[in-house]
Amino acid sequence: ESDPTKLIEIVMIGKQLLMSRGSLTTFSIAND
């Protein structure tokens, strides 16, 4: 869409990816 401010969504998805991985890793280790 050629919208430079789309980086807001890109950053939020990047942070969401890192948080998802970190959260589920925490859950998994505590689970074990």
Full PDB file with SEQRES, HELIX, SHEET, SSBOND, CRYST1, ORIGX, SCALE, CONECT and MASTER records, all heavy atoms in Angstrom:
SEQRES   1 A   32  GLU SER ASP PRO THR LYS LEU ILE GLU ILE VAL MET ILE          
SEQRES   2 A   32  GLY LYS GLN LEU LEU MET SER ARG GLY SER LEU THR THR          
SEQRES   3 A   32  PHE SER ILE ALA ASN ASP                                      
HELIX    1 AA1 PRO A    4  LYS A    6  5                                   3    
HELIX    2 AA2 LEU A    7  ASN A   31  1                                  25    
CRYST1    1.000    1.000    1.000  90.00  90.00  90.00 P 1           1          
ORIGX1      1.000000  0.000000  0.000000        0.00000                         
ORIGX2      0.000000  1.000000  0.000000        0.00000                         
ORIGX3      0.000000  0.000000  1.000000        0.00000                         
SCALE1      1.000000  0.000000  0.000000        0.00000                         
SCALE2      0.000000  1.000000  0.000000        0.00000                         
SCALE3      0.000000  0.000000  1.000000        0.00000                         
ATOM      1  N   GLU A   1       0.808  -1.217   0.000  1.00  0.00           N  
ATOM      2  CA  GLU A   1       0.000   0.000   0.000  1.00  0.00           C  
ATOM      3  C   GLU A   1       0.844   1.271   0.000  1.00  0.00           C  
ATOM      4  O   GLU A   1       0.296   2.367  -0.042  1.00  0.00           O  
ATOM      5  CB  GLU A   1      -0.930   0.021   1.210  1.00  0.00           C  
ATOM      6  CG  GLU A   1      -2.016  -1.029   1.144  1.00  0.00           C  
ATOM      7  CD  GLU A   1      -2.863  -1.077   2.394  1.00  0.00           C  
ATOM      8  OE1 GLU A   1      -2.506  -0.400   3.385  1.00  0.00           O  
ATOM      9  OE2 GLU A   1      -3.868  -1.775   2.402  1.00  0.00           O  
ATOM     10  N   SER A   2       2.170   1.117   0.088  1.00  0.00           N  
ATOM     11  CA  SER A   2       3.094   2.260   0.051  1.00  0.00           C  
ATOM     12  C   SER A   2       2.764   3.293   1.121  1.00  0.00           C  
ATOM     13  O   SER A   2       2.700   4.499   0.856  1.00  0.00           O  
ATOM     14  CB  SER A   2       3.086   2.914  -1.347  1.00  0.00           C  
ATOM     15  OG  SER A   2       3.477   1.980  -2.323  1.00  0.00           O  
ATOM     16  N   ASP A   3       2.561   2.828   2.333  1.00  0.00           N  
ATOM     17  CA  ASP A   3       2.265   3.700   3.471  1.00  0.00           C  
ATOM     18  C   ASP A   3       3.420   3.602   4.457  1.00  0.00           C  
ATOM     19  O   ASP A   3       3.560   2.588   5.146  1.00  0.00           O  
ATOM     20  CB  ASP A   3       0.955   3.259   4.135  1.00  0.00           C  
ATOM     21  CG  ASP A   3       0.639   4.078   5.387  1.00  0.00           C  
ATOM     22  OD1 ASP A   3       1.373   5.047   5.668  1.00  0.00           O  
ATOM     23  OD2 ASP A   3      -0.332   3.735   6.078  1.00  0.00           O  
ATOM     24  N   PRO A   4       4.285   4.632   4.555  1.00  0.00           N  
ATOM     25  CA  PRO A   4       5.478   4.531   5.400  1.00  0.00           C  
ATOM     26  C   PRO A   4       5.158   4.335   6.870  1.00  0.00           C  
ATOM     27  O   PRO A   4       5.930   3.736   7.602  1.00  0.00           O  
ATOM     28  CB  PRO A   4       6.198   5.863   5.164  1.00  0.00           C  
ATOM     29  CG  PRO A   4       5.120   6.801   4.724  1.00  0.00           C  
ATOM     30  CD  PRO A   4       4.172   5.958   3.931  1.00  0.00           C  
ATOM     31  N   THR A   5       4.018   4.857   7.318  1.00  0.00           N  
ATOM     32  CA  THR A   5       3.689   4.706   8.736  1.00  0.00           C  
ATOM     33  C   THR A   5       3.208   3.293   9.049  1.00  0.00           C  
ATOM     34  O   THR A   5       2.881   2.995  10.183  1.00  0.00           O  
ATOM     35  CB  THR A   5       2.615   5.717   9.152  1.00  0.00           C  
ATOM     36  OG1 THR A   5       1.422   5.484   8.388  1.00  0.00           O  
ATOM     37  CG2 THR A   5       3.090   7.136   8.902  1.00  0.00           C  
ATOM     38  N   LYS A   6       3.159   2.428   8.036  1.00  0.00           N  
ATOM     39  CA  LYS A   6       2.832   1.023   8.267  1.00  0.00           C  
ATOM     40  C   LYS A   6       3.847   0.389   9.203  1.00  0.00           C  
ATOM     41  O   LYS A   6       3.591  -0.691   9.752  1.00  0.00           O  
ATOM     42  CB  LYS A   6       2.812   0.291   6.928  1.00  0.00           C  
ATOM     43  CG  LYS A   6       2.202  -1.105   6.954  1.00  0.00           C  
ATOM     44  CD  LYS A   6       0.714  -1.064   7.087  1.00  0.00           C  
ATOM     45  CE  LYS A   6       0.091  -0.471   5.859  1.00  0.00           C  
ATOM     46  NZ  LYS A   6       0.305  -1.216   4.629  1.00  0.00           N  
ATOM     47  N   LEU A   7       4.995   1.060   9.406  1.00  0.00           N  
ATOM     48  CA  LEU A   7       6.001   0.497  10.301  1.00  0.00           C  
ATOM     49  C   LEU A   7       5.446   0.323  11.713  1.00  0.00           C  
ATOM     50  O   LEU A   7       5.939  -0.498  12.476  1.00  0.00           O  
ATOM     51  CB  LEU A   7       7.256   1.381  10.336  1.00  0.00           C  
ATOM     52  CG  LEU A   7       8.447   0.653  10.976  1.00  0.00           C  
ATOM     53  CD1 LEU A   7       9.130  -0.220   9.950  1.00  0.00           C  
ATOM     54  CD2 LEU A   7       9.429   1.609  11.591  1.00  0.00           C  
ATOM     55  N   ILE A   8       4.428   1.098  12.073  1.00  0.00           N  
ATOM     56  CA  ILE A   8       3.808   0.912  13.387  1.00  0.00           C  
ATOM     57  C   ILE A   8       3.282  -0.509  13.502  1.00  0.00           C  
ATOM     58  O   ILE A   8       3.546  -1.217  14.486  1.00  0.00           O  
ATOM     59  CB  ILE A   8       2.673   1.934  13.606  1.00  0.00           C  
ATOM     60  CG1 ILE A   8       3.252   3.344  13.693  1.00  0.00           C  
ATOM     61  CG2 ILE A   8       1.876   1.603  14.865  1.00  0.00           C  
ATOM     62  CD1 ILE A   8       2.201   4.421  13.780  1.00  0.00           C  
ATOM     63  N   GLU A   9       2.529  -0.955  12.490  1.00  0.00           N  
ATOM     64  CA  GLU A   9       2.014  -2.323  12.509  1.00  0.00           C  
ATOM     65  C   GLU A   9       3.152  -3.334  12.423  1.00  0.00           C  
ATOM     66  O   GLU A   9       3.118  -4.378  13.080  1.00  0.00           O  
ATOM     67  CB  GLU A   9       1.042  -2.539  11.341  1.00  0.00           C  
ATOM     68  CG  GLU A   9      -0.344  -1.970  11.565  1.00  0.00           C  
ATOM     69  CD  GLU A   9      -0.415  -0.467  11.342  1.00  0.00           C  
ATOM     70  OE1 GLU A   9       0.501   0.088  10.695  1.00  0.00           O  
ATOM     71  OE2 GLU A   9      -1.381   0.151  11.815  1.00  0.00           O  
ATOM     72  N   ILE A  10       4.173  -3.029  11.614  1.00  0.00           N  
ATOM     73  CA  ILE A  10       5.300  -3.945  11.471  1.00  0.00           C  
ATOM     74  C   ILE A  10       6.013  -4.128  12.809  1.00  0.00           C  
ATOM     75  O   ILE A  10       6.338  -5.249  13.217  1.00  0.00           O  
ATOM     76  CB  ILE A  10       6.275  -3.432  10.396  1.00  0.00           C  
ATOM     77  CG1 ILE A  10       5.599  -3.444   9.020  1.00  0.00           C  
ATOM     78  CG2 ILE A  10       7.547  -4.260  10.372  1.00  0.00           C  
ATOM     79  CD1 ILE A  10       6.422  -2.811   7.917  1.00  0.00           C  
ATOM     80  N   VAL A  11       6.255  -3.011  13.510  1.00  0.00           N  
ATOM     81  CA  VAL A  11       6.924  -3.083  14.815  1.00  0.00           C  
ATOM     82  C   VAL A  11       6.067  -3.851  15.810  1.00  0.00           C  
ATOM     83  O   VAL A  11       6.566  -4.707  16.564  1.00  0.00           O  
ATOM     84  CB  VAL A  11       7.231  -1.665  15.337  1.00  0.00           C  
ATOM     85  CG1 VAL A  11       7.675  -1.716  16.796  1.00  0.00           C  
ATOM     86  CG2 VAL A  11       8.324  -1.022  14.488  1.00  0.00           C  
ATOM     87  N   MET A  12       4.775  -3.576  15.820  1.00  0.00           N  
ATOM     88  CA  MET A  12       3.892  -4.252  16.771  1.00  0.00           C  
ATOM     89  C   MET A  12       3.834  -5.757  16.509  1.00  0.00           C  
ATOM     90  O   MET A  12       3.820  -6.564  17.444  1.00  0.00           O  
ATOM     91  CB  MET A  12       2.496  -3.643  16.727  1.00  0.00           C  
ATOM     92  CG  MET A  12       2.432  -2.223  17.260  1.00  0.00           C  
ATOM     93  SD  MET A  12       0.769  -1.529  17.329  1.00  0.00           S  
ATOM     94  CE  MET A  12       0.044  -2.516  18.632  1.00  0.00           C  
ATOM     95  N   ILE A  13       3.831  -6.147  15.238  1.00  0.00           N  
ATOM     96  CA  ILE A  13       3.832  -7.570  14.912  1.00  0.00           C  
ATOM     97  C   ILE A  13       5.167  -8.202  15.291  1.00  0.00           C  
ATOM     98  O   ILE A  13       5.221  -9.332  15.784  1.00  0.00           O  
ATOM     99  CB  ILE A  13       3.514  -7.775  13.420  1.00  0.00           C  
ATOM    100  CG1 ILE A  13       2.040  -7.436  13.159  1.00  0.00           C  
ATOM    101  CG2 ILE A  13       3.807  -9.209  12.983  1.00  0.00           C  
ATOM    102  CD1 ILE A  13       1.659  -7.422  11.702  1.00  0.00           C  
ATOM    103  N   GLY A  14       6.274  -7.461  15.066  1.00  0.00           N  
ATOM    104  CA  GLY A  14       7.579  -7.965  15.488  1.00  0.00           C  
ATOM    105  C   GLY A  14       7.650  -8.161  16.994  1.00  0.00           C  
ATOM    106  O   GLY A  14       8.144  -9.184  17.485  1.00  0.00           O  
ATOM    107  N   LYS A  15       7.153  -7.185  17.744  1.00  0.00           N  
ATOM    108  CA  LYS A  15       7.134  -7.315  19.203  1.00  0.00           C  
ATOM    109  C   LYS A  15       6.198  -8.449  19.621  1.00  0.00           C  
ATOM    110  O   LYS A  15       6.487  -9.191  20.572  1.00  0.00           O  
ATOM    111  CB  LYS A  15       6.692  -5.994  19.834  1.00  0.00           C  
ATOM    112  CG  LYS A  15       7.721  -4.871  19.719  1.00  0.00           C  
ATOM    113  CD  LYS A  15       7.250  -3.614  20.417  1.00  0.00           C  
ATOM    114  CE  LYS A  15       8.280  -2.486  20.275  1.00  0.00           C  
ATOM    115  NZ  LYS A  15       9.552  -2.792  20.943  1.00  0.00           N  
ATOM    116  N   GLN A  16       5.086  -8.590  18.908  1.00  0.00           N  
ATOM    117  CA  GLN A  16       4.143  -9.660  19.223  1.00  0.00           C  
ATOM    118  C   GLN A  16       4.782 -11.022  18.987  1.00  0.00           C  
ATOM    119  O   GLN A  16       4.578 -11.962  19.763  1.00  0.00           O  
ATOM    120  CB  GLN A  16       2.894  -9.501  18.360  1.00  0.00           C  
ATOM    121  CG  GLN A  16       1.750 -10.418  18.748  1.00  0.00           C  
ATOM    122  CD  GLN A  16       0.540 -10.205  17.865  1.00  0.00           C  
ATOM    123  OE1 GLN A  16       0.657 -10.105  16.653  1.00  0.00           O  
ATOM    124  NE2 GLN A  16      -0.628 -10.145  18.472  1.00  0.00           N  
ATOM    125  N   LEU A  17       5.570 -11.136  17.920  1.00  0.00           N  
ATOM    126  CA  LEU A  17       6.269 -12.386  17.634  1.00  0.00           C  
ATOM    127  C   LEU A  17       7.232 -12.734  18.762  1.00  0.00           C  
ATOM    128  O   LEU A  17       7.268 -13.872  19.259  1.00  0.00           O  
ATOM    129  CB  LEU A  17       7.016 -12.267  16.308  1.00  0.00           C  
ATOM    130  CG  LEU A  17       7.959 -13.416  15.937  1.00  0.00           C  
ATOM    131  CD1 LEU A  17       7.177 -14.703  15.757  1.00  0.00           C  
ATOM    132  CD2 LEU A  17       8.734 -13.093  14.665  1.00  0.00           C  
ATOM    133  N   LEU A  18       8.032 -11.748  19.186  1.00  0.00           N  
ATOM    134  CA  LEU A  18       8.989 -11.989  20.269  1.00  0.00           C  
ATOM    135  C   LEU A  18       8.277 -12.324  21.580  1.00  0.00           C  
ATOM    136  O   LEU A  18       8.697 -13.208  22.331  1.00  0.00           O  
ATOM    137  CB  LEU A  18       9.886 -10.761  20.446  1.00  0.00           C  
ATOM    138  CG  LEU A  18      10.811 -10.425  19.266  1.00  0.00           C  
ATOM    139  CD1 LEU A  18      11.541  -9.120  19.518  1.00  0.00           C  
ATOM    140  CD2 LEU A  18      11.806 -11.543  19.035  1.00  0.00           C  
ATOM    141  N   MET A  19       7.184 -11.591  21.864  1.00  0.00           N  
ATOM    142  CA  MET A  19       6.439 -11.846  23.091  1.00  0.00           C  
ATOM    143  C   MET A  19       5.771 -13.216  23.068  1.00  0.00           C  
ATOM    144  O   MET A  19       5.739 -13.923  24.084  1.00  0.00           O  
ATOM    145  CB  MET A  19       5.379 -10.758  23.298  1.00  0.00           C  
ATOM    146  CG  MET A  19       5.924  -9.424  23.762  1.00  0.00           C  
ATOM    147  SD  MET A  19       4.601  -8.251  24.102  1.00  0.00           S  
ATOM    148  CE  MET A  19       3.738  -9.084  25.422  1.00  0.00           C  
ATOM    149  N   SER A  20       5.239 -13.604  21.912  1.00  0.00           N  
ATOM    150  CA  SER A  20       4.592 -14.913  21.802  1.00  0.00           C  
ATOM    151  C   SER A  20       5.593 -16.026  22.071  1.00  0.00           C  
ATOM    152  O   SER A  20       5.318 -16.969  22.821  1.00  0.00           O  
ATOM    153  CB  SER A  20       3.975 -15.085  20.408  1.00  0.00           C  
ATOM    154  OG  SER A  20       2.993 -14.109  20.169  1.00  0.00           O  
ATOM    155  N   ARG A  21       6.763 -15.895  21.473  1.00  0.00           N  
ATOM    156  CA  ARG A  21       7.781 -16.922  21.663  1.00  0.00           C  
ATOM    157  C   ARG A  21       8.254 -16.953  23.120  1.00  0.00           C  
ATOM    158  O   ARG A  21       8.390 -18.016  23.726  1.00  0.00           O  
ATOM    159  CB  ARG A  21       8.955 -16.661  20.720  1.00  0.00           C  
ATOM    160  CG  ARG A  21       9.942 -17.801  20.652  1.00  0.00           C  
ATOM    161  CD  ARG A  21      11.044 -17.480  19.681  1.00  0.00           C  
ATOM    162  NE  ARG A  21      10.507 -17.357  18.331  1.00  0.00           N  
ATOM    163  CZ  ARG A  21      11.023 -16.563  17.417  1.00  0.00           C  
ATOM    164  NH1 ARG A  21      12.049 -15.809  17.703  1.00  0.00           N  
ATOM    165  NH2 ARG A  21      10.514 -16.522  16.211  1.00  0.00           N  
ATOM    166  N   GLY A  22       8.476 -15.755  23.693  1.00  0.00           N  
ATOM    167  CA  GLY A  22       8.926 -15.700  25.083  1.00  0.00           C  
ATOM    168  C   GLY A  22       7.867 -16.202  26.046  1.00  0.00           C  
ATOM    169  O   GLY A  22       8.177 -16.933  27.003  1.00  0.00           O  
ATOM    170  N   SER A  23       6.607 -15.838  25.809  1.00  0.00           N  
ATOM    171  CA  SER A  23       5.531 -16.244  26.714  1.00  0.00           C  
ATOM    172  C   SER A  23       5.330 -17.749  26.694  1.00  0.00           C  
ATOM    173  O   SER A  23       5.206 -18.391  27.746  1.00  0.00           O  
ATOM    174  CB  SER A  23       4.231 -15.535  26.325  1.00  0.00           C  
ATOM    175  OG  SER A  23       4.367 -14.139  26.447  1.00  0.00           O  
ATOM    176  N   LEU A  24       5.309 -18.334  25.483  1.00  0.00           N  
ATOM    177  CA  LEU A  24       5.089 -19.768  25.394  1.00  0.00           C  
ATOM    178  C   LEU A  24       6.309 -20.559  25.864  1.00  0.00           C  
ATOM    179  O   LEU A  24       6.171 -21.682  26.359  1.00  0.00           O  
ATOM    180  CB  LEU A  24       4.725 -20.151  23.960  1.00  0.00           C  
ATOM    181  CG  LEU A  24       3.339 -19.664  23.517  1.00  0.00           C  
ATOM    182  CD1 LEU A  24       3.050 -20.084  22.086  1.00  0.00           C  
ATOM    183  CD2 LEU A  24       2.258 -20.195  24.435  1.00  0.00           C  
ATOM    184  N   THR A  25       7.498 -19.978  25.730  1.00  0.00           N  
ATOM    185  CA  THR A  25       8.683 -20.632  26.289  1.00  0.00           C  
ATOM    186  C   THR A  25       8.600 -20.642  27.807  1.00  0.00           C  
ATOM    187  O   THR A  25       8.897 -21.667  28.462  1.00  0.00           O  
ATOM    188  CB  THR A  25       9.959 -19.900  25.830  1.00  0.00           C  
ATOM    189  OG1 THR A  25      10.027 -19.918  24.404  1.00  0.00           O  
ATOM    190  CG2 THR A  25      11.197 -20.573  26.401  1.00  0.00           C  
ATOM    191  N   THR A  26       8.211 -19.514  28.398  1.00  0.00           N  
ATOM    192  CA  THR A  26       8.035 -19.452  29.856  1.00  0.00           C  
ATOM    193  C   THR A  26       7.006 -20.473  30.311  1.00  0.00           C  
ATOM    194  O   THR A  26       7.213 -21.200  31.296  1.00  0.00           O  
ATOM    195  CB  THR A  26       7.583 -18.038  30.269  1.00  0.00           C  
ATOM    196  OG1 THR A  26       8.540 -17.094  29.829  1.00  0.00           O  
ATOM    197  CG2 THR A  26       7.425 -17.941  31.774  1.00  0.00           C  
ATOM    198  N   PHE A  27       5.885 -20.532  29.602  1.00  0.00           N  
ATOM    199  CA  PHE A  27       4.829 -21.489  29.947  1.00  0.00           C  
ATOM    200  C   PHE A  27       5.343 -22.914  29.853  1.00  0.00           C  
ATOM    201  O   PHE A  27       5.090 -23.749  30.733  1.00  0.00           O  
ATOM    202  CB  PHE A  27       3.641 -21.295  29.003  1.00  0.00           C  
ATOM    203  CG  PHE A  27       2.490 -22.222  29.262  1.00  0.00           C  
ATOM    204  CD1 PHE A  27       1.484 -21.868  30.150  1.00  0.00           C  
ATOM    205  CD2 PHE A  27       2.415 -23.457  28.618  1.00  0.00           C  
ATOM    206  CE1 PHE A  27       0.420 -22.726  30.399  1.00  0.00           C  
ATOM    207  CE2 PHE A  27       1.354 -24.319  28.854  1.00  0.00           C  
ATOM    208  CZ  PHE A  27       0.360 -23.949  29.750  1.00  0.00           C  
ATOM    209  N   SER A  28       6.081 -23.212  28.773  1.00  0.00           N  
ATOM    210  CA  SER A  28       6.550 -24.576  28.547  1.00  0.00           C  
ATOM    211  C   SER A  28       7.526 -25.032  29.624  1.00  0.00           C  
ATOM    212  O   SER A  28       7.419 -26.143  30.154  1.00  0.00           O  
ATOM    213  CB  SER A  28       7.212 -24.669  27.169  1.00  0.00           C  
ATOM    214  OG  SER A  28       7.671 -25.973  26.908  1.00  0.00           O  
ATOM    215  N   ILE A  29       8.479 -24.169  29.973  1.00  0.00           N  
ATOM    216  CA  ILE A  29       9.479 -24.556  30.986  1.00  0.00           C  
ATOM    217  C   ILE A  29       8.820 -24.712  32.352  1.00  0.00           C  
ATOM    218  O   ILE A  29       9.086 -25.678  33.091  1.00  0.00           O  
ATOM    219  CB  ILE A  29      10.614 -23.514  31.022  1.00  0.00           C  
ATOM    220  CG1 ILE A  29      11.391 -23.548  29.697  1.00  0.00           C  
ATOM    221  CG2 ILE A  29      11.534 -23.769  32.195  1.00  0.00           C  
ATOM    222  CD1 ILE A  29      12.464 -22.497  29.570  1.00  0.00           C  
ATOM    223  N   ALA A  30       7.930 -23.758  32.709  1.00  0.00           N  
ATOM    224  CA  ALA A  30       7.215 -23.885  33.978  1.00  0.00           C  
ATOM    225  C   ALA A  30       6.350 -25.141  33.983  1.00  0.00           C  
ATOM    226  O   ALA A  30       6.227 -25.842  35.012  1.00  0.00           O  
ATOM    227  CB  ALA A  30       6.350 -22.645  34.211  1.00  0.00           C  
ATOM    228  N   ASN A  31       5.782 -25.452  32.841  1.00  0.00           N  
ATOM    229  CA  ASN A  31       4.960 -26.647  32.672  1.00  0.00           C  
ATOM    230  C   ASN A  31       5.764 -27.908  32.969  1.00  0.00           C  
ATOM    231  O   ASN A  31       5.310 -28.816  33.678  1.00  0.00           O  
ATOM    232  CB  ASN A  31       4.472 -26.664  31.221  1.00  0.00           C  
ATOM    233  CG  ASN A  31       3.150 -27.362  31.056  1.00  0.00           C  
ATOM    234  OD1 ASN A  31       2.516 -27.726  32.023  1.00  0.00           O  
ATOM    235  ND2 ASN A  31       2.739 -27.558  29.823  1.00  0.00           N  
ATOM    236  N   ASP A  32       6.978 -27.959  32.403  1.00  0.00           N  
ATOM    237  CA  ASP A  32       7.816 -29.144  32.582  1.00  0.00           C  
ATOM    238  C   ASP A  32       8.239 -29.323  34.033  1.00  0.00           C  
ATOM    239  O   ASP A  32       8.278 -30.447  34.550  1.00  0.00           O  
ATOM    240  CB  ASP A  32       9.045 -29.035  31.677  1.00  0.00           C  
ATOM    241  CG  ASP A  32       8.679 -29.063  30.202  1.00  0.00           C  
ATOM    242  OD1 ASP A  32       7.638 -29.655  29.877  1.00  0.00           O  
ATOM    243  OD2 ASP A  32       9.417 -28.470  29.391  1.00  0.00           O  
TER     244      ASP A  32                                                      
MASTER        0    0    0    2    0    0    0    6  243    1    0    3          
END                                                                             
